[in-house]
Amino acid sequence: MARKPVRAAIGEVWITCQVCDGDLFRDREVKLNSSGAEFMNLAWANESATGLICWICGYVHLFANRDIKLYKADK
């Protein structure tokens, strides 16, 4: 099943793609793995980030900021 597009903002600032200026994204959680945690079988403790994949060009943006808000968008 295909993901629905979202728009994203941090506070009052709307996020646009750094490459094509698009404002529609697919979102997903991305694990920020560290080799130490992987070695000690503690990968579950790694920090995660919000990944926004541009709907137009596919460029991946990563945000570790927990204040990012996602909004449903009509394509």
C-alpha atoms as a PDB file:
ATOM      1  CA  MET A   1       0.000   0.000   0.000  1.00  0.00           C
ATOM      2  CA  ALA A   2       1.411   3.380  -1.011  1.00  0.00           C
ATOM      3  CA  ARG A   3       1.957   5.986   1.693  1.00  0.00           C
ATOM      4  CA  LYS A   4      -0.095   9.172   1.569  1.00  0.00           C
ATOM      5  CA  PRO A   5       1.764  12.426   1.001  1.00  0.00           C
ATOM      6  CA  VAL A   6       2.396  14.766   3.948  1.00  0.00           C
ATOM      7  CA  ARG A   7       3.503  18.347   4.420  1.00  0.00           C
ATOM      8  CA  ALA A   8       5.822  19.150   7.315  1.00  0.00           C
ATOM      9  CA  ALA A   9       6.661  22.115   9.503  1.00  0.00           C
ATOM     10  CA  ILE A  10       8.820  22.992  12.476  1.00  0.00           C
ATOM     11  CA  GLY A  11       7.003  25.715  14.330  1.00  0.00           C
ATOM     12  CA  GLU A  12       5.823  28.268  11.779  1.00  0.00           C
ATOM     13  CA  VAL A  13       8.391  27.223   9.135  1.00  0.00           C
ATOM     14  CA  TRP A  14       7.122  24.929   6.375  1.00  0.00           C
ATOM     15  CA  ILE A  15       9.689  22.452   5.051  1.00  0.00           C
ATOM     16  CA  THR A  16      10.459  22.306   1.334  1.00  0.00           C
ATOM     17  CA  CYS A  17      12.823  20.024  -0.550  1.00  0.00           C
ATOM     18  CA  GLN A  18      16.412  21.277  -0.722  1.00  0.00           C
ATOM     19  CA  VAL A  19      16.733  19.995  -4.290  1.00  0.00           C
ATOM     20  CA  CYS A  20      13.468  20.765  -6.117  1.00  0.00           C
ATOM     21  CA  ASP A  21      11.517  23.013  -3.673  1.00  0.00           C
ATOM     22  CA  GLY A  22       8.682  20.465  -3.526  1.00  0.00           C
ATOM     23  CA  ASP A  23       6.522  20.476  -0.399  1.00  0.00           C
ATOM     24  CA  LEU A  24       5.075  16.959  -0.460  1.00  0.00           C
ATOM     25  CA  PHE A  25       6.880  14.089   1.245  1.00  0.00           C
ATOM     26  CA  ARG A  26       6.580  10.451   2.279  1.00  0.00           C
ATOM     27  CA  ASP A  27       7.573  10.041   5.919  1.00  0.00           C
ATOM     28  CA  ARG A  28       9.249   7.228   7.792  1.00  0.00           C
ATOM     29  CA  GLU A  29      11.155   6.621  10.996  1.00  0.00           C
ATOM     30  CA  VAL A  30      14.908   6.219  10.444  1.00  0.00           C
ATOM     31  CA  LYS A  31      17.202   4.601  13.017  1.00  0.00           C
ATOM     32  CA  LEU A  32      20.482   6.434  13.609  1.00  0.00           C
ATOM     33  CA  ASN A  33      22.582   3.351  14.318  1.00  0.00           C
ATOM     34  CA  SER A  34      25.919   3.518  16.063  1.00  0.00           C
ATOM     35  CA  SER A  35      28.490   0.781  15.673  1.00  0.00           C
ATOM     36  CA  GLY A  36      28.997   0.573  19.452  1.00  0.00           C
ATOM     37  CA  ALA A  37      25.344  -0.103  20.133  1.00  0.00           C
ATOM     38  CA  GLU A  38      25.203  -2.624  17.287  1.00  0.00           C
ATOM     39  CA  PHE A  39      28.266  -4.431  18.656  1.00  0.00           C
ATOM     40  CA  MET A  40      26.744  -4.652  22.146  1.00  0.00           C
ATOM     41  CA  ASN A  41      23.325  -5.787  20.806  1.00  0.00           C
ATOM     42  CA  LEU A  42      21.802  -2.507  21.979  1.00  0.00           C
ATOM     43  CA  ALA A  43      20.534  -1.321  18.600  1.00  0.00           C
ATOM     44  CA  TRP A  44      17.094  -0.827  20.138  1.00  0.00           C
ATOM     45  CA  ALA A  45      18.592   2.037  22.192  1.00  0.00           C
ATOM     46  CA  ASN A  46      19.751   4.004  19.157  1.00  0.00           C
ATOM     47  CA  GLU A  47      18.187   7.376  18.503  1.00  0.00           C
ATOM     48  CA  SER A  48      15.741   7.730  15.643  1.00  0.00           C
ATOM     49  CA  ALA A  49      14.948  10.559  13.241  1.00  0.00           C
ATOM     50  CA  THR A  50      12.071  11.506  10.979  1.00  0.00           C
ATOM     51  CA  GLY A  51      12.888  10.867   7.345  1.00  0.00           C
ATOM     52  CA  LEU A  52      11.053  12.935   4.742  1.00  0.00           C
ATOM     53  CA  ILE A  53      11.376  11.610   1.188  1.00  0.00           C
ATOM     54  CA  CYS A  54      10.500  14.192  -1.443  1.00  0.00           C
ATOM     55  CA  TRP A  55       7.434  13.118  -3.410  1.00  0.00           C
ATOM     56  CA  ILE A  56       8.825  14.684  -6.617  1.00  0.00           C
ATOM     57  CA  CYS A  57      12.576  13.969  -6.744  1.00  0.00           C
ATOM     58  CA  GLY A  58      13.127  11.377  -3.978  1.00  0.00           C
ATOM     59  CA  TYR A  59      15.718  13.347  -2.016  1.00  0.00           C
ATOM     60  CA  VAL A  60      15.839  12.167   1.627  1.00  0.00           C
ATOM     61  CA  HIS A  61      15.796  14.742   4.411  1.00  0.00           C
ATOM     62  CA  LEU A  62      16.519  13.673   8.019  1.00  0.00           C
ATOM     63  CA  PHE A  63      15.241  15.509  11.087  1.00  0.00           C
ATOM     64  CA  ALA A  64      16.287  14.587  14.626  1.00  0.00           C
ATOM     65  CA  ASN A  65      14.196  17.515  15.897  1.00  0.00           C
ATOM     66  CA  ARG A  66      11.163  16.139  17.757  1.00  0.00           C
ATOM     67  CA  ASP A  67       9.211  19.366  17.147  1.00  0.00           C
ATOM     68  CA  ILE A  68       8.543  18.455  13.509  1.00  0.00           C
ATOM     69  CA  LYS A  69       4.828  18.210  12.733  1.00  0.00           C
ATOM     70  CA  LEU A  70       3.349  16.253   9.826  1.00  0.00           C
ATOM     71  CA  TYR A  71       0.114  17.199   8.112  1.00  0.00           C
ATOM     72  CA  LYS A  72      -1.958  15.123   5.687  1.00  0.00           C
ATOM     73  CA  ALA A  73      -1.843  16.569   2.196  1.00  0.00           C
ATOM     74  CA  ASP A  74      -3.947  16.157  -0.911  1.00  0.00           C
ATOM     75  CA  LYS A  75      -1.725  15.110  -3.780  1.00  0.00           C
END
